[in-house]
Amino acid sequence: MVKNKFSYSQALTELENILTEIENEELDLDLLSEKVKRATFLIKECKSRLRKTGEEIESILEDWDNGEDKE
């Protein structure tokens, strides 16, 4: 499966738009399933990116802390 190229903020905006359409009952019933599938994909991607970013920040801070100890 080819992943879509989009930024985290673009994914959040798209999720917000999908949620608004669902809440306002603007979606045709035939499109509801597709929108829910898309929202699920976007949520998984966002969670993955958040997890990866958190791990990177943790690693950077650990390296920084270790460097401070050597001085």
PDB file of N, CA and C in Angstrom:
ATOM      1  N   MET A   1       0.831  -1.186   0.000  1.00  0.00           N
ATOM      2  CA  MET A   1       0.000   0.000   0.000  1.00  0.00           C
ATOM      3  C   MET A   1       0.872   1.244   0.000  1.00  0.00           C
ATOM      4  N   VAL A   2       0.632   2.153  -0.902  1.00  0.00           N
ATOM      5  CA  VAL A   2       1.390   3.385  -0.999  1.00  0.00           C
ATOM      6  C   VAL A   2       0.820   4.390  -0.011  1.00  0.00           C
ATOM      7  N   LYS A   3       1.688   4.955   0.806  1.00  0.00           N
ATOM      8  CA  LYS A   3       1.236   5.930   1.791  1.00  0.00           C
ATOM      9  C   LYS A   3       1.113   7.299   1.138  1.00  0.00           C
ATOM     10  N   ASN A   4       0.111   8.029   1.567  1.00  0.00           N
ATOM     11  CA  ASN A   4      -0.081   9.389   1.075  1.00  0.00           C
ATOM     12  C   ASN A   4       0.958  10.299   1.700  1.00  0.00           C
ATOM     13  N   LYS A   5       1.400  11.280   0.952  1.00  0.00           N
ATOM     14  CA  LYS A   5       2.342  12.262   1.460  1.00  0.00           C
ATOM     15  C   LYS A   5       1.538  13.455   1.966  1.00  0.00           C
ATOM     16  N   PHE A   6       1.591  13.685   3.266  1.00  0.00           N
ATOM     17  CA  PHE A   6       0.889  14.800   3.864  1.00  0.00           C
ATOM     18  C   PHE A   6       1.562  15.133   5.185  1.00  0.00           C
ATOM     19  N   SER A   7       1.393  16.365   5.609  1.00  0.00           N
ATOM     20  CA  SER A   7       1.966  16.773   6.882  1.00  0.00           C
ATOM     21  C   SER A   7       1.019  16.410   8.009  1.00  0.00           C
ATOM     22  N   TYR A   8       1.535  16.446   9.204  1.00  0.00           N
ATOM     23  CA  TYR A   8       0.731  16.155  10.377  1.00  0.00           C
ATOM     24  C   TYR A   8      -0.441  17.137  10.465  1.00  0.00           C
ATOM     25  N   SER A   9      -0.151  18.419  10.234  1.00  0.00           N
ATOM     26  CA  SER A   9      -1.219  19.423  10.327  1.00  0.00           C
ATOM     27  C   SER A   9      -2.266  19.238   9.226  1.00  0.00           C
ATOM     28  N   GLN A  10      -1.851  18.789   8.054  1.00  0.00           N
ATOM     29  CA  GLN A  10      -2.814  18.508   6.985  1.00  0.00           C
ATOM     30  C   GLN A  10      -3.720  17.344   7.380  1.00  0.00           C
ATOM     31  N   ALA A  11      -3.139  16.338   8.003  1.00  0.00           N
ATOM     32  CA  ALA A  11      -3.928  15.188   8.446  1.00  0.00           C
ATOM     33  C   ALA A  11      -4.939  15.611   9.505  1.00  0.00           C
ATOM     34  N   LEU A  12      -4.509  16.445  10.450  1.00  0.00           N
ATOM     35  CA  LEU A  12      -5.432  16.921  11.475  1.00  0.00           C
ATOM     36  C   LEU A  12      -6.568  17.740  10.878  1.00  0.00           C
ATOM     37  N   THR A  13      -6.237  18.589   9.925  1.00  0.00           N
ATOM     38  CA  THR A  13      -7.262  19.391   9.270  1.00  0.00           C
ATOM     39  C   THR A  13      -8.265  18.504   8.549  1.00  0.00           C
ATOM     40  N   GLU A  14      -7.756  17.497   7.852  1.00  0.00           N
ATOM     41  CA  GLU A  14      -8.653  16.583   7.152  1.00  0.00           C
ATOM     42  C   GLU A  14      -9.536  15.821   8.139  1.00  0.00           C
ATOM     43  N   LEU A  15      -8.955  15.387   9.253  1.00  0.00           N
ATOM     44  CA  LEU A  15      -9.742  14.702  10.277  1.00  0.00           C
ATOM     45  C   LEU A  15     -10.832  15.615  10.841  1.00  0.00           C
ATOM     46  N   GLU A  16     -10.478  16.858  11.099  1.00  0.00           N
ATOM     47  CA  GLU A  16     -11.464  17.819  11.596  1.00  0.00           C
ATOM     48  C   GLU A  16     -12.595  18.014  10.594  1.00  0.00           C
ATOM     49  N   ASN A  17     -12.250  18.075   9.323  1.00  0.00           N
ATOM     50  CA  ASN A  17     -13.270  18.235   8.283  1.00  0.00           C
ATOM     51  C   ASN A  17     -14.197  17.020   8.212  1.00  0.00           C
ATOM     52  N   ILE A  18     -13.624  15.838   8.304  1.00  0.00           N
ATOM     53  CA  ILE A  18     -14.434  14.616   8.288  1.00  0.00           C
ATOM     54  C   ILE A  18     -15.375  14.609   9.493  1.00  0.00           C
ATOM     55  N   LEU A  19     -14.844  14.939  10.660  1.00  0.00           N
ATOM     56  CA  LEU A  19     -15.654  14.958  11.870  1.00  0.00           C
ATOM     57  C   LEU A  19     -16.801  15.957  11.749  1.00  0.00           C
ATOM     58  N   THR A  20     -16.513  17.133  11.213  1.00  0.00           N
ATOM     59  CA  THR A  20     -17.550  18.147  11.026  1.00  0.00           C
ATOM     60  C   THR A  20     -18.632  17.646  10.086  1.00  0.00           C
ATOM     61  N   GLU A  21     -18.230  17.013   8.993  1.00  0.00           N
ATOM     62  CA  GLU A  21     -19.211  16.476   8.042  1.00  0.00           C
ATOM     63  C   GLU A  21     -20.101  15.430   8.704  1.00  0.00           C
ATOM     64  N   ILE A  22     -19.489  14.572   9.540  1.00  0.00           N
ATOM     65  CA  ILE A  22     -20.267  13.530  10.215  1.00  0.00           C
ATOM     66  C   ILE A  22     -21.202  14.162  11.249  1.00  0.00           C
ATOM     67  N   GLU A  23     -20.676  15.079  12.047  1.00  0.00           N
ATOM     68  CA  GLU A  23     -21.486  15.711  13.086  1.00  0.00           C
ATOM     69  C   GLU A  23     -22.654  16.500  12.509  1.00  0.00           C
ATOM     70  N   ASN A  24     -22.418  17.141  11.373  1.00  0.00           N
ATOM     71  CA  ASN A  24     -23.462  17.962  10.749  1.00  0.00           C
ATOM     72  C   ASN A  24     -24.355  17.160   9.804  1.00  0.00           C
ATOM     73  N   GLU A  25     -24.104  15.858   9.781  1.00  0.00           N
ATOM     74  CA  GLU A  25     -24.869  14.955   8.920  1.00  0.00           C
ATOM     75  C   GLU A  25     -24.842  15.415   7.455  1.00  0.00           C
ATOM     76  N   GLU A  26     -23.682  15.909   7.039  1.00  0.00           N
ATOM     77  CA  GLU A  26     -23.501  16.383   5.672  1.00  0.00           C
ATOM     78  C   GLU A  26     -23.084  15.276   4.718  1.00  0.00           C
ATOM     79  N   LEU A  27     -22.720  14.125   5.256  1.00  0.00           N
ATOM     80  CA  LEU A  27     -22.217  13.038   4.423  1.00  0.00           C
ATOM     81  C   LEU A  27     -23.352  12.193   3.879  1.00  0.00           C
ATOM     82  N   ASP A  28     -23.240  11.888   2.623  1.00  0.00           N
ATOM     83  CA  ASP A  28     -24.135  10.913   2.021  1.00  0.00           C
ATOM     84  C   ASP A  28     -23.803   9.559   2.634  1.00  0.00           C
ATOM     85  N   LEU A  29     -24.795   8.769   2.885  1.00  0.00           N
ATOM     86  CA  LEU A  29     -24.596   7.471   3.522  1.00  0.00           C
ATOM     87  C   LEU A  29     -23.599   6.607   2.747  1.00  0.00           C
ATOM     88  N   ASP A  30     -23.594   6.726   1.436  1.00  0.00           N
ATOM     89  CA  ASP A  30     -22.675   5.929   0.617  1.00  0.00           C
ATOM     90  C   ASP A  30     -21.225   6.335   0.836  1.00  0.00           C
ATOM     91  N   LEU A  31     -20.984   7.557   1.270  1.00  0.00           N
ATOM     92  CA  LEU A  31     -19.623   8.038   1.491  1.00  0.00           C
ATOM     93  C   LEU A  31     -19.148   7.838   2.924  1.00  0.00           C
ATOM     94  N   LEU A  32     -20.071   7.590   3.825  1.00  0.00           N
ATOM     95  CA  LEU A  32     -19.730   7.486   5.243  1.00  0.00           C
ATOM     96  C   LEU A  32     -18.655   6.435   5.498  1.00  0.00           C
ATOM     97  N   SER A  33     -18.801   5.257   4.929  1.00  0.00           N
ATOM     98  CA  SER A  33     -17.828   4.190   5.133  1.00  0.00           C
ATOM     99  C   SER A  33     -16.441   4.607   4.652  1.00  0.00           C
ATOM    100  N   GLU A  34     -16.367   5.234   3.509  1.00  0.00           N
ATOM    101  CA  GLU A  34     -15.072   5.672   2.973  1.00  0.00           C
ATOM    102  C   GLU A  34     -14.435   6.736   3.861  1.00  0.00           C
ATOM    103  N   LYS A  35     -15.243   7.643   4.364  1.00  0.00           N
ATOM    104  CA  LYS A  35     -14.717   8.705   5.239  1.00  0.00           C
ATOM    105  C   LYS A  35     -14.218   8.115   6.558  1.00  0.00           C
ATOM    106  N   VAL A  36     -14.944   7.133   7.095  1.00  0.00           N
ATOM    107  CA  VAL A  36     -14.508   6.492   8.339  1.00  0.00           C
ATOM    108  C   VAL A  36     -13.200   5.731   8.109  1.00  0.00           C
ATOM    109  N   LYS A  37     -13.074   5.056   6.977  1.00  0.00           N
ATOM    110  CA  LYS A  37     -11.824   4.365   6.643  1.00  0.00           C
ATOM    111  C   LYS A  37     -10.667   5.358   6.538  1.00  0.00           C
ATOM    112  N   ARG A  38     -10.913   6.471   5.868  1.00  0.00           N
ATOM    113  CA  ARG A  38      -9.883   7.503   5.712  1.00  0.00           C
ATOM    114  C   ARG A  38      -9.501   8.077   7.073  1.00  0.00           C
ATOM    115  N   ALA A  39     -10.487   8.352   7.912  1.00  0.00           N
ATOM    116  CA  ALA A  39     -10.210   8.897   9.243  1.00  0.00           C
ATOM    117  C   ALA A  39      -9.376   7.913  10.059  1.00  0.00           C
ATOM    118  N   THR A  40      -9.697   6.634   9.977  1.00  0.00           N
ATOM    119  CA  THR A  40      -8.945   5.609  10.699  1.00  0.00           C
ATOM    120  C   THR A  40      -7.489   5.586  10.232  1.00  0.00           C
ATOM    121  N   PHE A  41      -7.289   5.659   8.921  1.00  0.00           N
ATOM    122  CA  PHE A  41      -5.935   5.687   8.372  1.00  0.00           C
ATOM    123  C   PHE A  41      -5.173   6.919   8.883  1.00  0.00           C
ATOM    124  N   LEU A  42      -5.818   8.081   8.844  1.00  0.00           N
ATOM    125  CA  LEU A  42      -5.168   9.316   9.279  1.00  0.00           C
ATOM    126  C   LEU A  42      -4.821   9.260  10.770  1.00  0.00           C
ATOM    127  N   ILE A  43      -5.712   8.725  11.578  1.00  0.00           N
ATOM    128  CA  ILE A  43      -5.453   8.614  13.013  1.00  0.00           C
ATOM    129  C   ILE A  43      -4.242   7.715  13.265  1.00  0.00           C
ATOM    130  N   LYS A  44      -4.175   6.581  12.564  1.00  0.00           N
ATOM    131  CA  LYS A  44      -3.033   5.673  12.725  1.00  0.00           C
ATOM    132  C   LYS A  44      -1.727   6.357  12.316  1.00  0.00           C
ATOM    133  N   GLU A  45      -1.767   7.092  11.219  1.00  0.00           N
ATOM    134  CA  GLU A  45      -0.569   7.800  10.764  1.00  0.00           C
ATOM    135  C   GLU A  45      -0.138   8.864  11.767  1.00  0.00           C
ATOM    136  N   CYS A  46      -1.093   9.612  12.288  1.00  0.00           N
ATOM    137  CA  CYS A  46      -0.774  10.659  13.263  1.00  0.00           C
ATOM    138  C   CYS A  46      -0.186  10.045  14.541  1.00  0.00           C
ATOM    139  N   LYS A  47      -0.783   8.969  15.026  1.00  0.00           N
ATOM    140  CA  LYS A  47      -0.260   8.301  16.217  1.00  0.00           C
ATOM    141  C   LYS A  47       1.156   7.809  15.982  1.00  0.00           C
ATOM    142  N   SER A  48       1.403   7.263  14.818  1.00  0.00           N
ATOM    143  CA  SER A  48       2.734   6.767  14.487  1.00  0.00           C
ATOM    144  C   SER A  48       3.751   7.908  14.467  1.00  0.00           C
ATOM    145  N   ARG A  49       3.363   9.009  13.853  1.00  0.00           N
ATOM    146  CA  ARG A  49       4.272  10.160  13.795  1.00  0.00           C
ATOM    147  C   ARG A  49       4.524  10.744  15.173  1.00  0.00           C
ATOM    148  N   LEU A  50       3.484  10.820  16.001  1.00  0.00           N
ATOM    149  CA  LEU A  50       3.659  11.325  17.363  1.00  0.00           C
ATOM    150  C   LEU A  50       4.602  10.431  18.153  1.00  0.00           C
ATOM    151  N   ARG A  51       4.416   9.119  18.032  1.00  0.00           N
ATOM    152  CA  ARG A  51       5.270   8.165  18.733  1.00  0.00           C
ATOM    153  C   ARG A  51       6.724   8.320  18.267  1.00  0.00           C
ATOM    154  N   LYS A  52       6.920   8.390  16.960  1.00  0.00           N
ATOM    155  CA  LYS A  52       8.272   8.519  16.412  1.00  0.00           C
ATOM    156  C   LYS A  52       8.928   9.819  16.864  1.00  0.00           C
ATOM    157  N   THR A  53       8.177  10.909  16.820  1.00  0.00           N
ATOM    158  CA  THR A  53       8.713  12.199  17.248  1.00  0.00           C
ATOM    159  C   THR A  53       9.067  12.171  18.726  1.00  0.00           C
ATOM    160  N   GLY A  54       8.204  11.564  19.538  1.00  0.00           N
ATOM    161  CA  GLY A  54       8.486  11.446  20.967  1.00  0.00           C
ATOM    162  C   GLY A  54       9.765  10.666  21.227  1.00  0.00           C
ATOM    163  N   GLU A  55       9.947   9.584  20.497  1.00  0.00           N
ATOM    164  CA  GLU A  55      11.157   8.772  20.644  1.00  0.00           C
ATOM    165  C   GLU A  55      12.398   9.558  20.228  1.00  0.00           C
ATOM    166  N   GLU A  56      12.281  10.325  19.139  1.00  0.00           N
ATOM    167  CA  GLU A  56      13.415  11.127  18.680  1.00  0.00           C
ATOM    168  C   GLU A  56      13.782  12.194  19.703  1.00  0.00           C
ATOM    169  N   ILE A  57      12.769  12.850  20.261  1.00  0.00           N
ATOM    170  CA  ILE A  57      13.029  13.885  21.263  1.00  0.00           C
ATOM    171  C   ILE A  57      13.660  13.268  22.503  1.00  0.00           C
ATOM    172  N   GLU A  58      13.143  12.127  22.932  1.00  0.00           N
ATOM    173  CA  GLU A  58      13.701  11.439  24.085  1.00  0.00           C
ATOM    174  C   GLU A  58      15.170  11.086  23.850  1.00  0.00           C
ATOM    175  N   SER A  59      15.486  10.600  22.650  1.00  0.00           N
ATOM    176  CA  SER A  59      16.859  10.253  22.315  1.00  0.00           C
ATOM    177  C   SER A  59      17.762  11.486  22.323  1.00  0.00           C
ATOM    178  N   ILE A  60      17.266  12.568  21.774  1.00  0.00           N
ATOM    179  CA  ILE A  60      18.045  13.818  21.748  1.00  0.00           C
ATOM    180  C   ILE A  60      18.323  14.287  23.168  1.00  0.00           C
ATOM    181  N   LEU A  61      17.295  14.262  24.012  1.00  0.00           N
ATOM    182  CA  LEU A  61      17.477  14.712  25.393  1.00  0.00           C
ATOM    183  C   LEU A  61      18.420  13.802  26.166  1.00  0.00           C
ATOM    184  N   GLU A  62      18.346  12.492  25.911  1.00  0.00           N
ATOM    185  CA  GLU A  62      19.266  11.571  26.569  1.00  0.00           C
ATOM    186  C   GLU A  62      20.700  11.851  26.138  1.00  0.00           C
ATOM    187  N   ASP A  63      20.909  12.078  24.829  1.00  0.00           N
ATOM    188  CA  ASP A  63      22.245  12.404  24.331  1.00  0.00           C
ATOM    189  C   ASP A  63      22.737  13.707  24.946  1.00  0.00           C
ATOM    190  N   TRP A  64      21.860  14.657  25.072  1.00  0.00           N
ATOM    191  CA  TRP A  64      22.226  15.955  25.640  1.00  0.00           C
ATOM    192  C   TRP A  64      22.598  15.795  27.104  1.00  0.00           C
ATOM    193  N   ASP A  65      21.767  15.037  27.845  1.00  0.00           N
ATOM    194  CA  ASP A  65      22.062  14.785  29.262  1.00  0.00           C
ATOM    195  C   ASP A  65      23.398  14.071  29.413  1.00  0.00           C
ATOM    196  N   ASN A  66      23.673  13.092  28.571  1.00  0.00           N
ATOM    197  CA  ASN A  66      24.932  12.352  28.636  1.00  0.00           C
ATOM    198  C   ASN A  66      26.110  13.261  28.325  1.00  0.00           C
ATOM    199  N   GLY A  67      25.947  14.173  27.421  1.00  0.00           N
ATOM    200  CA  GLY A  67      27.001  15.119  27.080  1.00  0.00           C
ATOM    201  C   GLY A  67      27.270  16.080  28.204  1.00  0.00           C
ATOM    202  N   GLU A  68      26.246  16.463  28.921  1.00  0.00           N
ATOM    203  CA  GLU A  68      26.388  17.364  30.063  1.00  0.00           C
ATOM    204  C   GLU A  68      27.196  16.702  31.180  1.00  0.00           C
ATOM    205  N   ASP A  69      26.982  15.396  31.366  1.00  0.00           N
ATOM    206  CA  ASP A  69      27.678  14.674  32.419  1.00  0.00           C
ATOM    207  C   ASP A  69      29.184  14.591  32.169  1.00  0.00           C
ATOM    208  N   LYS A  70      29.604  14.646  30.926  1.00  0.00           N
ATOM    209  CA  LYS A  70      31.016  14.480  30.567  1.00  0.00           C
ATOM    210  C   LYS A  70      31.819  15.739  30.805  1.00  0.00           C
ATOM    211  N   GLU A  71      31.150  16.876  30.953  1.00  0.00           N
ATOM    212  CA  GLU A  71      31.885  18.127  31.092  1.00  0.00           C
ATOM    213  C   GLU A  71      32.394  18.371  32.476  1.00  0.00           C
TER     214      GLU A  71
END
